[in-house]
Amino acid sequence: MVSFIDQHRAEYGVEPICEQLPISPALSLLRLNENCLRESRGDSVKHSAWAKAHYASQRAKGKDHAAAVRSLAFKWIRIIWKCWQTNTPYDEAIYLACLKKRNSPLMKLIEAQTAAAQA
């Protein structure tokens, strides 16, 4: 049923489909959020220096892909929580400055990745 909703969401929306099927919209929304989180991992690694460095560091420690993604998701959850608590939008530059201020090992990885990309 969830796959049917995924296939027809764009055309009909979730609510009308869920009214006809014995499935709650909340379950469909949960499925949608799972898909968004899975897809956002790839996007964050592509567009965020620290996310790429964190994912690479987890893989270098011998973690498999799933464990590295979970670790990255956990980091994102803490960042999003802090943004929500302080009512501020996420800003990559601010987060990188915090990493630098705290002498985070991620900063060394980010600098190494930047140097390698420029070489």
PDB file of N, CA and C in Angstrom:
ATOM      1  N   MET A   1       0.812  -1.198   0.000  1.00  0.00           N
ATOM      2  CA  MET A   1       0.000   0.000   0.000  1.00  0.00           C
ATOM      3  C   MET A   1       0.852   1.257   0.000  1.00  0.00           C
ATOM      4  N   VAL A   2       1.922   1.230   0.768  1.00  0.00           N
ATOM      5  CA  VAL A   2       2.773   2.408   0.844  1.00  0.00           C
ATOM      6  C   VAL A   2       3.404   2.692  -0.519  1.00  0.00           C
ATOM      7  N   SER A   3       3.780   1.630  -1.226  1.00  0.00           N
ATOM      8  CA  SER A   3       4.366   1.841  -2.554  1.00  0.00           C
ATOM      9  C   SER A   3       3.334   2.446  -3.506  1.00  0.00           C
ATOM     10  N   PHE A   4       2.066   2.064  -3.388  1.00  0.00           N
ATOM     11  CA  PHE A   4       1.009   2.657  -4.200  1.00  0.00           C
ATOM     12  C   PHE A   4       0.900   4.155  -3.927  1.00  0.00           C
ATOM     13  N   ILE A   5       0.965   4.520  -2.650  1.00  0.00           N
ATOM     14  CA  ILE A   5       0.900   5.937  -2.274  1.00  0.00           C
ATOM     15  C   ILE A   5       2.110   6.677  -2.848  1.00  0.00           C
ATOM     16  N   ASP A   6       3.290   6.067  -2.733  1.00  0.00           N
ATOM     17  CA  ASP A   6       4.491   6.707  -3.266  1.00  0.00           C
ATOM     18  C   ASP A   6       4.376   6.942  -4.771  1.00  0.00           C
ATOM     19  N   GLN A   7       3.786   5.988  -5.481  1.00  0.00           N
ATOM     20  CA  GLN A   7       3.666   6.101  -6.934  1.00  0.00           C
ATOM     21  C   GLN A   7       2.657   7.166  -7.354  1.00  0.00           C
ATOM     22  N   HIS A   8       1.619   7.376  -6.557  1.00  0.00           N
ATOM     23  CA  HIS A   8       0.528   8.266  -6.955  1.00  0.00           C
ATOM     24  C   HIS A   8       0.430   9.550  -6.139  1.00  0.00           C
ATOM     25  N   ARG A   9       1.396   9.779  -5.277  1.00  0.00           N
ATOM     26  CA  ARG A   9       1.372  10.959  -4.407  1.00  0.00           C
ATOM     27  C   ARG A   9       1.323  12.253  -5.209  1.00  0.00           C
ATOM     28  N   ALA A  10       2.161  12.369  -6.221  1.00  0.00           N
ATOM     29  CA  ALA A  10       2.252  13.617  -6.989  1.00  0.00           C
ATOM     30  C   ALA A  10       0.937  13.922  -7.715  1.00  0.00           C
ATOM     31  N   GLU A  11       0.295  12.891  -8.192  1.00  0.00           N
ATOM     32  CA  GLU A  11      -0.933  13.092  -8.972  1.00  0.00           C
ATOM     33  C   GLU A  11      -2.149  13.384  -8.100  1.00  0.00           C
ATOM     34  N   TYR A  12      -2.303  12.648  -6.988  1.00  0.00           N
ATOM     35  CA  TYR A  12      -3.525  12.746  -6.189  1.00  0.00           C
ATOM     36  C   TYR A  12      -3.331  13.372  -4.808  1.00  0.00           C
ATOM     37  N   GLY A  13      -2.113  13.339  -4.289  1.00  0.00           N
ATOM     38  CA  GLY A  13      -1.899  13.767  -2.911  1.00  0.00           C
ATOM     39  C   GLY A  13      -2.080  12.585  -1.978  1.00  0.00           C
ATOM     40  N   VAL A  14      -1.678  12.737  -0.739  1.00  0.00           N
ATOM     41  CA  VAL A  14      -1.718  11.624   0.206  1.00  0.00           C
ATOM     42  C   VAL A  14      -3.098  11.440   0.818  1.00  0.00           C
ATOM     43  N   GLU A  15      -3.727  12.517   1.235  1.00  0.00           N
ATOM     44  CA  GLU A  15      -5.003  12.413   1.947  1.00  0.00           C
ATOM     45  C   GLU A  15      -6.086  11.668   1.150  1.00  0.00           C
ATOM     46  N   PRO A  16      -6.352  12.017  -0.122  1.00  0.00           N
ATOM     47  CA  PRO A  16      -7.402  11.298  -0.849  1.00  0.00           C
ATOM     48  C   PRO A  16      -7.108   9.806  -1.001  1.00  0.00           C
ATOM     49  N   ILE A  17      -5.849   9.464  -1.189  1.00  0.00           N
ATOM     50  CA  ILE A  17      -5.488   8.047  -1.323  1.00  0.00           C
ATOM     51  C   ILE A  17      -5.729   7.333  -0.002  1.00  0.00           C
ATOM     52  N   CYS A  18      -5.320   7.951   1.085  1.00  0.00           N
ATOM     53  CA  CYS A  18      -5.460   7.322   2.404  1.00  0.00           C
ATOM     54  C   CYS A  18      -6.923   7.184   2.818  1.00  0.00           C
ATOM     55  N   GLU A  19      -7.771   8.056   2.310  1.00  0.00           N
ATOM     56  CA  GLU A  19      -9.197   7.933   2.616  1.00  0.00           C
ATOM     57  C   GLU A  19      -9.775   6.669   1.975  1.00  0.00           C
ATOM     58  N   GLN A  20      -9.238   6.281   0.833  1.00  0.00           N
ATOM     59  CA  GLN A  20      -9.735   5.110   0.122  1.00  0.00           C
ATOM     60  C   GLN A  20      -9.079   3.807   0.582  1.00  0.00           C
ATOM     61  N   LEU A  21      -7.871   3.904   1.092  1.00  0.00           N
ATOM     62  CA  LEU A  21      -7.139   2.719   1.519  1.00  0.00           C
ATOM     63  C   LEU A  21      -7.158   2.602   3.041  1.00  0.00           C
ATOM     64  N   PRO A  22      -7.056   1.391   3.566  1.00  0.00           N
ATOM     65  CA  PRO A  22      -7.025   1.225   5.024  1.00  0.00           C
ATOM     66  C   PRO A  22      -5.639   1.525   5.593  1.00  0.00           C
ATOM     67  N   ILE A  23      -5.177   2.757   5.399  1.00  0.00           N
ATOM     68  CA  ILE A  23      -3.871   3.162   5.897  1.00  0.00           C
ATOM     69  C   ILE A  23      -3.984   4.605   6.381  1.00  0.00           C
ATOM     70  N   SER A  24      -3.330   4.916   7.438  1.00  0.00           N
ATOM     71  CA  SER A  24      -3.442   6.273   7.971  1.00  0.00           C
ATOM     72  C   SER A  24      -2.475   7.209   7.263  1.00  0.00           C
ATOM     73  N   PRO A  25      -2.849   8.484   7.130  1.00  0.00           N
ATOM     74  CA  PRO A  25      -1.928   9.450   6.545  1.00  0.00           C
ATOM     75  C   PRO A  25      -0.625   9.572   7.341  1.00  0.00           C
ATOM     76  N   ALA A  26      -0.705   9.350   8.649  1.00  0.00           N
ATOM     77  CA  ALA A  26       0.503   9.452   9.466  1.00  0.00           C
ATOM     78  C   ALA A  26       1.532   8.410   9.050  1.00  0.00           C
ATOM     79  N   LEU A  27       1.079   7.188   8.745  1.00  0.00           N
ATOM     80  CA  LEU A  27       1.990   6.144   8.296  1.00  0.00           C
ATOM     81  C   LEU A  27       2.618   6.538   6.967  1.00  0.00           C
ATOM     82  N   SER A  28       1.816   7.109   6.091  1.00  0.00           N
ATOM     83  CA  SER A  28       2.340   7.555   4.809  1.00  0.00           C
ATOM     84  C   SER A  28       3.342   8.683   5.000  1.00  0.00           C
ATOM     85  N   LEU A  29       3.046   9.605   5.918  1.00  0.00           N
ATOM     86  CA  LEU A  29       3.952  10.710   6.190  1.00  0.00           C
ATOM     87  C   LEU A  29       5.259  10.194   6.775  1.00  0.00           C
ATOM     88  N   LEU A  30       5.178   9.188   7.643  1.00  0.00           N
ATOM     89  CA  LEU A  30       6.370   8.588   8.211  1.00  0.00           C
ATOM     90  C   LEU A  30       7.236   8.005   7.100  1.00  0.00           C
ATOM     91  N   ARG A  31       6.595   7.314   6.168  1.00  0.00           N
ATOM     92  CA  ARG A  31       7.316   6.727   5.039  1.00  0.00           C
ATOM     93  C   ARG A  31       7.978   7.824   4.197  1.00  0.00           C
ATOM     94  N   LEU A  32       7.252   8.926   3.975  1.00  0.00           N
ATOM     95  CA  LEU A  32       7.782  10.047   3.217  1.00  0.00           C
ATOM     96  C   LEU A  32       9.001  10.631   3.933  1.00  0.00           C
ATOM     97  N   ASN A  33       8.924  10.798   5.244  1.00  0.00           N
ATOM     98  CA  ASN A  33      10.037  11.343   6.005  1.00  0.00           C
ATOM     99  C   ASN A  33      11.248  10.424   5.968  1.00  0.00           C
ATOM    100  N   GLU A  34      11.034   9.104   6.012  1.00  0.00           N
ATOM    101  CA  GLU A  34      12.142   8.161   5.899  1.00  0.00           C
ATOM    102  C   GLU A  34      12.836   8.336   4.559  1.00  0.00           C
ATOM    103  N   ASN A  35      12.041   8.464   3.483  1.00  0.00           N
ATOM    104  CA  ASN A  35      12.617   8.653   2.159  1.00  0.00           C
ATOM    105  C   ASN A  35      13.379   9.966   2.084  1.00  0.00           C
ATOM    106  N   CYS A  36      12.844  11.019   2.669  1.00  0.00           N
ATOM    107  CA  CYS A  36      13.516  12.318   2.655  1.00  0.00           C
ATOM    108  C   CYS A  36      14.839  12.252   3.397  1.00  0.00           C
ATOM    109  N   LEU A  37      14.856  11.565   4.544  1.00  0.00           N
ATOM    110  CA  LEU A  37      16.104  11.451   5.298  1.00  0.00           C
ATOM    111  C   LEU A  37      17.140  10.661   4.516  1.00  0.00           C
ATOM    112  N   ARG A  38      16.707   9.575   3.854  1.00  0.00           N
ATOM    113  CA  ARG A  38      17.647   8.799   3.064  1.00  0.00           C
ATOM    114  C   ARG A  38      18.224   9.635   1.929  1.00  0.00           C
ATOM    115  N   GLU A  39      17.363  10.379   1.251  1.00  0.00           N
ATOM    116  CA  GLU A  39      17.818  11.195   0.138  1.00  0.00           C
ATOM    117  C   GLU A  39      18.663  12.359   0.617  1.00  0.00           C
ATOM    118  N   SER A  40      18.340  12.929   1.770  1.00  0.00           N
ATOM    119  CA  SER A  40      19.080  14.102   2.241  1.00  0.00           C
ATOM    120  C   SER A  40      20.505  13.746   2.662  1.00  0.00           C
ATOM    121  N   ARG A  41      20.750  12.511   3.043  1.00  0.00           N
ATOM    122  CA  ARG A  41      22.117  12.111   3.380  1.00  0.00           C
ATOM    123  C   ARG A  41      23.007  12.331   2.168  1.00  0.00           C
ATOM    124  N   GLY A  42      22.562  11.899   1.009  1.00  0.00           N
ATOM    125  CA  GLY A  42      23.347  12.089  -0.205  1.00  0.00           C
ATOM    126  C   GLY A  42      23.535  13.557  -0.524  1.00  0.00           C
ATOM    127  N   ASP A  43      22.497  14.332  -0.353  1.00  0.00           N
ATOM    128  CA  ASP A  43      22.592  15.760  -0.630  1.00  0.00           C
ATOM    129  C   ASP A  43      23.531  16.448   0.342  1.00  0.00           C
ATOM    130  N   SER A  44      23.472  16.100   1.610  1.00  0.00           N
ATOM    131  CA  SER A  44      24.321  16.797   2.570  1.00  0.00           C
ATOM    132  C   SER A  44      25.787  16.472   2.319  1.00  0.00           C
ATOM    133  N   VAL A  45      26.088  15.251   1.918  1.00  0.00           N
ATOM    134  CA  VAL A  45      27.477  14.890   1.631  1.00  0.00           C
ATOM    135  C   VAL A  45      27.962  15.625   0.380  1.00  0.00           C
ATOM    136  N   LYS A  46      27.069  15.846  -0.561  1.00  0.00           N
ATOM    137  CA  LYS A  46      27.445  16.550  -1.793  1.00  0.00           C
ATOM    138  C   LYS A  46      27.625  18.046  -1.571  1.00  0.00           C
ATOM    139  N   HIS A  47      26.854  18.625  -0.656  1.00  0.00           N
ATOM    140  CA  HIS A  47      26.809  20.079  -0.527  1.00  0.00           C
ATOM    141  C   HIS A  47      27.393  20.628   0.770  1.00  0.00           C
ATOM    142  N   SER A  48      27.786  19.773   1.680  1.00  0.00           N
ATOM    143  CA  SER A  48      28.274  20.241   2.971  1.00  0.00           C
ATOM    144  C   SER A  48      29.659  19.658   3.233  1.00  0.00           C
ATOM    145  N   ALA A  49      30.625  20.539   3.454  1.00  0.00           N
ATOM    146  CA  ALA A  49      32.000  20.093   3.685  1.00  0.00           C
ATOM    147  C   ALA A  49      32.111  19.245   4.942  1.00  0.00           C
ATOM    148  N   TRP A  50      31.458  19.680   6.030  1.00  0.00           N
ATOM    149  CA  TRP A  50      31.575  18.920   7.271  1.00  0.00           C
ATOM    150  C   TRP A  50      30.875  17.572   7.163  1.00  0.00           C
ATOM    151  N   ALA A  51      29.737  17.523   6.450  1.00  0.00           N
ATOM    152  CA  ALA A  51      29.017  16.251   6.305  1.00  0.00           C
ATOM    153  C   ALA A  51      29.855  15.251   5.505  1.00  0.00           C
ATOM    154  N   LYS A  52      30.491  15.744   4.455  1.00  0.00           N
ATOM    155  CA  LYS A  52      31.368  14.886   3.654  1.00  0.00           C
ATOM    156  C   LYS A  52      32.527  14.385   4.504  1.00  0.00           C
ATOM    157  N   ALA A  53      33.128  15.273   5.288  1.00  0.00           N
ATOM    158  CA  ALA A  53      34.250  14.896   6.148  1.00  0.00           C
ATOM    159  C   ALA A  53      33.809  13.904   7.219  1.00  0.00           C
ATOM    160  N   HIS A  54      32.640  14.134   7.808  1.00  0.00           N
ATOM    161  CA  HIS A  54      32.153  13.227   8.858  1.00  0.00           C
ATOM    162  C   HIS A  54      31.871  11.839   8.275  1.00  0.00           C
ATOM    163  N   TYR A  55      31.209  11.796   7.129  1.00  0.00           N
ATOM    164  CA  TYR A  55      30.912  10.514   6.490  1.00  0.00           C
ATOM    165  C   TYR A  55      32.215   9.787   6.168  1.00  0.00           C
ATOM    166  N   ALA A  56      33.185  10.509   5.600  1.00  0.00           N
ATOM    167  CA  ALA A  56      34.472   9.895   5.259  1.00  0.00           C
ATOM    168  C   ALA A  56      35.199   9.396   6.505  1.00  0.00           C
ATOM    169  N   SER A  57      35.123  10.158   7.591  1.00  0.00           N
ATOM    170  CA  SER A  57      35.801   9.727   8.820  1.00  0.00           C
ATOM    171  C   SER A  57      35.171   8.453   9.383  1.00  0.00           C
ATOM    172  N   GLN A  58      33.868   8.356   9.296  1.00  0.00           N
ATOM    173  CA  GLN A  58      33.193   7.144   9.770  1.00  0.00           C
ATOM    174  C   GLN A  58      33.582   5.937   8.924  1.00  0.00           C
ATOM    175  N   ARG A  59      33.656   6.142   7.615  1.00  0.00           N
ATOM    176  CA  ARG A  59      34.059   5.048   6.727  1.00  0.00           C
ATOM    177  C   ARG A  59      35.518   4.657   6.990  1.00  0.00           C
ATOM    178  N   ALA A  60      36.371   5.655   7.263  1.00  0.00           N
ATOM    179  CA  ALA A  60      37.780   5.379   7.549  1.00  0.00           C
ATOM    180  C   ALA A  60      37.940   4.594   8.850  1.00  0.00           C
ATOM    181  N   LYS A  61      37.005   4.758   9.769  1.00  0.00           N
ATOM    182  CA  LYS A  61      37.038   4.009  11.028  1.00  0.00           C
ATOM    183  C   LYS A  61      36.555   2.571  10.854  1.00  0.00           C
ATOM    184  N   GLY A  62      36.153   2.226   9.630  1.00  0.00           N
ATOM    185  CA  GLY A  62      35.694   0.867   9.357  1.00  0.00           C
ATOM    186  C   GLY A  62      34.193   0.685   9.440  1.00  0.00           C
ATOM    187  N   LYS A  63      33.465   1.755   9.626  1.00  0.00           N
ATOM    188  CA  LYS A  63      32.001   1.661   9.677  1.00  0.00           C
ATOM    189  C   LYS A  63      31.476   1.372   8.276  1.00  0.00           C
ATOM    190  N   ASP A  64      30.426   0.569   8.198  1.00  0.00           N
ATOM    191  CA  ASP A  64      29.815   0.347   6.892  1.00  0.00           C
ATOM    192  C   ASP A  64      28.966   1.561   6.511  1.00  0.00           C
ATOM    193  N   HIS A  65      28.455   1.550   5.296  1.00  0.00           N
ATOM    194  CA  HIS A  65      27.695   2.697   4.786  1.00  0.00           C
ATOM    195  C   HIS A  65      26.524   3.047   5.706  1.00  0.00           C
ATOM    196  N   ALA A  66      25.767   2.041   6.118  1.00  0.00           N
ATOM    197  CA  ALA A  66      24.581   2.291   6.942  1.00  0.00           C
ATOM    198  C   ALA A  66      24.952   2.937   8.280  1.00  0.00           C
ATOM    199  N   ALA A  67      26.011   2.455   8.899  1.00  0.00           N
ATOM    200  CA  ALA A  67      26.442   3.021  10.182  1.00  0.00           C
ATOM    201  C   ALA A  67      26.934   4.458  10.005  1.00  0.00           C
ATOM    202  N   ALA A  68      27.639   4.714   8.910  1.00  0.00           N
ATOM    203  CA  ALA A  68      28.126   6.074   8.645  1.00  0.00           C
ATOM    204  C   ALA A  68      26.957   7.026   8.408  1.00  0.00           C
ATOM    205  N   VAL A  69      25.937   6.552   7.706  1.00  0.00           N
ATOM    206  CA  VAL A  69      24.752   7.372   7.452  1.00  0.00           C
ATOM    207  C   VAL A  69      24.004   7.635   8.759  1.00  0.00           C
ATOM    208  N   ARG A  70      23.872   6.617   9.603  1.00  0.00           N
ATOM    209  CA  ARG A  70      23.207   6.818  10.899  1.00  0.00           C
ATOM    210  C   ARG A  70      23.954   7.843  11.743  1.00  0.00           C
ATOM    211  N   SER A  71      25.263   7.758  11.736  1.00  0.00           N
ATOM    212  CA  SER A  71      26.066   8.709  12.496  1.00  0.00           C
ATOM    213  C   SER A  71      25.873  10.127  11.968  1.00  0.00           C
ATOM    214  N   LEU A  72      25.846  10.266  10.656  1.00  0.00           N
ATOM    215  CA  LEU A  72      25.620  11.575  10.043  1.00  0.00           C
ATOM    216  C   LEU A  72      24.215  12.083  10.361  1.00  0.00           C
ATOM    217  N   ALA A  73      23.241  11.202  10.307  1.00  0.00           N
ATOM    218  CA  ALA A  73      21.867  11.594  10.637  1.00  0.00           C
ATOM    219  C   ALA A  73      21.773  12.053  12.089  1.00  0.00           C
ATOM    220  N   PHE A  74      22.468  11.362  12.991  1.00  0.00           N
ATOM    221  CA  PHE A  74      22.460  11.754  14.399  1.00  0.00           C
ATOM    222  C   PHE A  74      23.045  13.153  14.569  1.00  0.00           C
ATOM    223  N   LYS A  75      24.122  13.446  13.839  1.00  0.00           N
ATOM    224  CA  LYS A  75      24.710  14.790  13.891  1.00  0.00           C
ATOM    225  C   LYS A  75      23.721  15.828  13.379  1.00  0.00           C
ATOM    226  N   TRP A  76      23.064  15.532  12.266  1.00  0.00           N
ATOM    227  CA  TRP A  76      22.072  16.464  11.721  1.00  0.00           C
ATOM    228  C   TRP A  76      20.928  16.693  12.709  1.00  0.00           C
ATOM    229  N   ILE A  77      20.495  15.644  13.370  1.00  0.00           N
ATOM    230  CA  ILE A  77      19.400  15.789  14.336  1.00  0.00           C
ATOM    231  C   ILE A  77      19.796  16.755  15.447  1.00  0.00           C
ATOM    232  N   ARG A  78      21.020  16.638  15.954  1.00  0.00           N
ATOM    233  CA  ARG A  78      21.476  17.555  17.009  1.00  0.00           C
ATOM    234  C   ARG A  78      21.550  18.988  16.502  1.00  0.00           C
ATOM    235  N   ILE A  79      21.993  19.163  15.270  1.00  0.00           N
ATOM    236  CA  ILE A  79      22.076  20.514  14.693  1.00  0.00           C
ATOM    237  C   ILE A  79      20.678  21.093  14.516  1.00  0.00           C
ATOM    238  N   ILE A  80      19.780  20.306  13.953  1.00  0.00           N
ATOM    239  CA  ILE A  80      18.406  20.778  13.728  1.00  0.00           C
ATOM    240  C   ILE A  80      17.724  21.095  15.057  1.00  0.00           C
ATOM    241  N   TRP A  81      17.959  20.248  16.060  1.00  0.00           N
ATOM    242  CA  TRP A  81      17.386  20.493  17.394  1.00  0.00           C
ATOM    243  C   TRP A  81      17.853  21.836  17.943  1.00  0.00           C
ATOM    244  N   LYS A  82      19.158  22.110  17.829  1.00  0.00           N
ATOM    245  CA  LYS A  82      19.699  23.367  18.349  1.00  0.00           C
ATOM    246  C   LYS A  82      19.118  24.562  17.582  1.00  0.00           C
ATOM    247  N   CYS A  83      18.998  24.429  16.275  1.00  0.00           N
ATOM    248  CA  CYS A  83      18.400  25.505  15.470  1.00  0.00           C
ATOM    249  C   CYS A  83      16.963  25.756  15.912  1.00  0.00           C
ATOM    250  N   TRP A  84      16.234  24.679  16.174  1.00  0.00           N
ATOM    251  CA  TRP A  84      14.846  24.812  16.591  1.00  0.00           C
ATOM    252  C   TRP A  84      14.765  25.469  17.971  1.00  0.00           C
ATOM    253  N   GLN A  85      15.620  25.040  18.886  1.00  0.00           N
ATOM    254  CA  GLN A  85      15.608  25.579  20.245  1.00  0.00           C
ATOM    255  C   GLN A  85      15.969  27.068  20.282  1.00  0.00           C
ATOM    256  N   THR A  86      16.904  27.478  19.424  1.00  0.00           N
ATOM    257  CA  THR A  86      17.344  28.873  19.417  1.00  0.00           C
ATOM    258  C   THR A  86      16.596  29.710  18.385  1.00  0.00           C
ATOM    259  N   ASN A  87      15.703  29.066  17.647  1.00  0.00           N
ATOM    260  CA  ASN A  87      14.899  29.752  16.627  1.00  0.00           C
ATOM    261  C   ASN A  87      15.784  30.482  15.601  1.00  0.00           C
ATOM    262  N   THR A  88      16.838  29.779  15.166  1.00  0.00           N
ATOM    263  CA  THR A  88      17.727  30.344  14.162  1.00  0.00           C
ATOM    264  C   THR A  88      17.835  29.386  12.984  1.00  0.00           C
ATOM    265  N   PRO A  89      17.946  29.911  11.783  1.00  0.00           N
ATOM    266  CA  PRO A  89      18.113  29.032  10.620  1.00  0.00           C
ATOM    267  C   PRO A  89      19.525  28.441  10.606  1.00  0.00           C
ATOM    268  N   TYR A  90      19.646  27.291   9.981  1.00  0.00           N
ATOM    269  CA  TYR A  90      20.959  26.656   9.867  1.00  0.00           C
ATOM    270  C   TYR A  90      21.831  27.478   8.931  1.00  0.00           C
ATOM    271  N   ASP A  91      23.066  27.670   9.331  1.00  0.00           N
ATOM    272  CA  ASP A  91      24.047  28.380   8.517  1.00  0.00           C
ATOM    273  C   ASP A  91      25.349  27.596   8.564  1.00  0.00           C
ATOM    274  N   GLU A  92      25.758  27.084   7.423  1.00  0.00           N
ATOM    275  CA  GLU A  92      26.969  26.267   7.352  1.00  0.00           C
ATOM    276  C   GLU A  92      28.189  27.027   7.868  1.00  0.00           C
ATOM    277  N   ALA A  93      28.296  28.303   7.534  1.00  0.00           N
ATOM    278  CA  ALA A  93      29.456  29.093   7.960  1.00  0.00           C
ATOM    279  C   ALA A  93      29.539  29.184   9.487  1.00  0.00           C
ATOM    280  N   ILE A  94      28.401  29.354  10.131  1.00  0.00           N
ATOM    281  CA  ILE A  94      28.379  29.420  11.596  1.00  0.00           C
ATOM    282  C   ILE A  94      28.794  28.075  12.190  1.00  0.00           C
ATOM    283  N   TYR A  95      28.296  26.983  11.614  1.00  0.00           N
ATOM    284  CA  TYR A  95      28.644  25.666  12.128  1.00  0.00           C
ATOM    285  C   TYR A  95      30.135  25.388  11.941  1.00  0.00           C
ATOM    286  N   LEU A  96      30.684  25.757  10.794  1.00  0.00           N
ATOM    287  CA  LEU A  96      32.115  25.563  10.558  1.00  0.00           C
ATOM    288  C   LEU A  96      32.952  26.402  11.532  1.00  0.00           C
ATOM    289  N   ALA A  97      32.498  27.613  11.823  1.00  0.00           N
ATOM    290  CA  ALA A  97      33.204  28.459  12.791  1.00  0.00           C
ATOM    291  C   ALA A  97      33.191  27.814  14.177  1.00  0.00           C
ATOM    292  N   CYS A  98      32.074  27.203  14.549  1.00  0.00           N
ATOM    293  CA  CYS A  98      31.984  26.503  15.840  1.00  0.00           C
ATOM    294  C   CYS A  98      32.938  25.312  15.875  1.00  0.00           C
ATOM    295  N   LEU A  99      33.008  24.568  14.770  1.00  0.00           N
ATOM    296  CA  LEU A  99      33.933  23.438  14.701  1.00  0.00           C
ATOM    297  C   LEU A  99      35.373  23.913  14.856  1.00  0.00           C
ATOM    298  N   LYS A 100      35.690  25.015  14.190  1.00  0.00           N
ATOM    299  CA  LYS A 100      37.047  25.557  14.259  1.00  0.00           C
ATOM    300  C   LYS A 100      37.361  26.049  15.672  1.00  0.00           C
ATOM    301  N   LYS A 101      36.411  26.731  16.283  1.00  0.00           N
ATOM    302  CA  LYS A 101      36.598  27.257  17.637  1.00  0.00           C
ATOM    303  C   LYS A 101      36.854  26.137  18.641  1.00  0.00           C
ATOM    304  N   ARG A 102      36.189  25.004  18.430  1.00  0.00           N
ATOM    305  CA  ARG A 102      36.324  23.872  19.356  1.00  0.00           C
ATOM    306  C   ARG A 102      37.450  22.922  18.968  1.00  0.00           C
ATOM    307  N   ASN A 103      38.230  23.301  17.962  1.00  0.00           N
ATOM    308  CA  ASN A 103      39.333  22.451  17.485  1.00  0.00           C
ATOM    309  C   ASN A 103      38.857  21.046  17.117  1.00  0.00           C
ATOM    310  N   SER A 104      37.759  20.975  16.420  1.00  0.00           N
ATOM    311  CA  SER A 104      37.177  19.691  16.040  1.00  0.00           C
ATOM    312  C   SER A 104      38.081  18.956  15.048  1.00  0.00           C
ATOM    313  N   PRO A 105      38.229  17.646  15.215  1.00  0.00           N
ATOM    314  CA  PRO A 105      38.998  16.862  14.243  1.00  0.00           C
ATOM    315  C   PRO A 105      38.398  16.952  12.832  1.00  0.00           C
ATOM    316  N   LEU A 106      37.110  17.251  12.771  1.00  0.00           N
ATOM    317  CA  LEU A 106      36.479  17.404  11.454  1.00  0.00           C
ATOM    318  C   LEU A 106      37.103  18.543  10.666  1.00  0.00           C
ATOM    319  N   MET A 107      37.530  19.600  11.339  1.00  0.00           N
ATOM    320  CA  MET A 107      38.133  20.733  10.638  1.00  0.00           C
ATOM    321  C   MET A 107      39.410  20.312   9.920  1.00  0.00           C
ATOM    322  N   LYS A 108      40.196  19.444  10.546  1.00  0.00           N
ATOM    323  CA  LYS A 108      41.415  18.956   9.894  1.00  0.00           C
ATOM    324  C   LYS A 108      41.067  18.159   8.639  1.00  0.00           C
ATOM    325  N   LEU A 109      40.016  17.348   8.738  1.00  0.00           N
ATOM    326  CA  LEU A 109      39.581  16.583   7.567  1.00  0.00           C
ATOM    327  C   LEU A 109      39.060  17.499   6.464  1.00  0.00           C
ATOM    328  N   ILE A 110      38.308  18.518   6.859  1.00  0.00           N
ATOM    329  CA  ILE A 110      37.760  19.460   5.878  1.00  0.00           C
ATOM    330  C   ILE A 110      38.903  20.192   5.178  1.00  0.00           C
ATOM    331  N   GLU A 111      39.881  20.636   5.949  1.00  0.00           N
ATOM    332  CA  GLU A 111      41.026  21.331   5.364  1.00  0.00           C
ATOM    333  C   GLU A 111      41.808  20.409   4.433  1.00  0.00           C
ATOM    334  N   ALA A 112      41.960  19.134   4.824  1.00  0.00           N
ATOM    335  CA  ALA A 112      42.671  18.169   3.969  1.00  0.00           C
ATOM    336  C   ALA A 112      41.895  17.925   2.673  1.00  0.00           C
ATOM    337  N   GLN A 113      40.553  17.817   2.775  1.00  0.00           N
ATOM    338  CA  GLN A 113      39.740  17.610   1.580  1.00  0.00           C
ATOM    339  C   GLN A 113      39.815  18.822   0.668  1.00  0.00           C
ATOM    340  N   THR A 114      39.797  20.007   1.247  1.00  0.00           N
ATOM    341  CA  THR A 114      39.869  21.233   0.454  1.00  0.00           C
ATOM    342  C   THR A 114      41.211  21.328  -0.254  1.00  0.00           C
ATOM    343  N   ALA A 115      42.284  21.001   0.461  1.00  0.00           N
ATOM    344  CA  ALA A 115      43.623  21.035  -0.133  1.00  0.00           C
ATOM    345  C   ALA A 115      43.742  20.012  -1.264  1.00  0.00           C
ATOM    346  N   ALA A 116      43.183  18.833  -1.047  1.00  0.00           N
ATOM    347  CA  ALA A 116      43.238  17.779  -2.075  1.00  0.00           C
ATOM    348  C   ALA A 116      42.424  18.190  -3.306  1.00  0.00           C
ATOM    349  N   ALA A 117      41.308  18.848  -3.094  1.00  0.00           N
ATOM    350  CA  ALA A 117      40.464  19.272  -4.225  1.00  0.00           C
ATOM    351  C   ALA A 117      41.135  20.377  -5.028  1.00  0.00           C
ATOM    352  N   GLN A 118      41.899  21.227  -4.350  1.00  0.00           N
ATOM    353  CA  GLN A 118      42.571  22.327  -5.040  1.00  0.00           C
ATOM    354  C   GLN A 118      43.829  21.875  -5.757  1.00  0.00           C
ATOM    355  N   ALA A 119      44.402  20.749  -5.331  1.00  0.00           N
ATOM    356  CA  ALA A 119      45.650  20.253  -5.948  1.00  0.00           C
ATOM    357  C   ALA A 119      45.415  19.564  -7.268  1.00  0.00           C
TER     358      ALA A 119
END
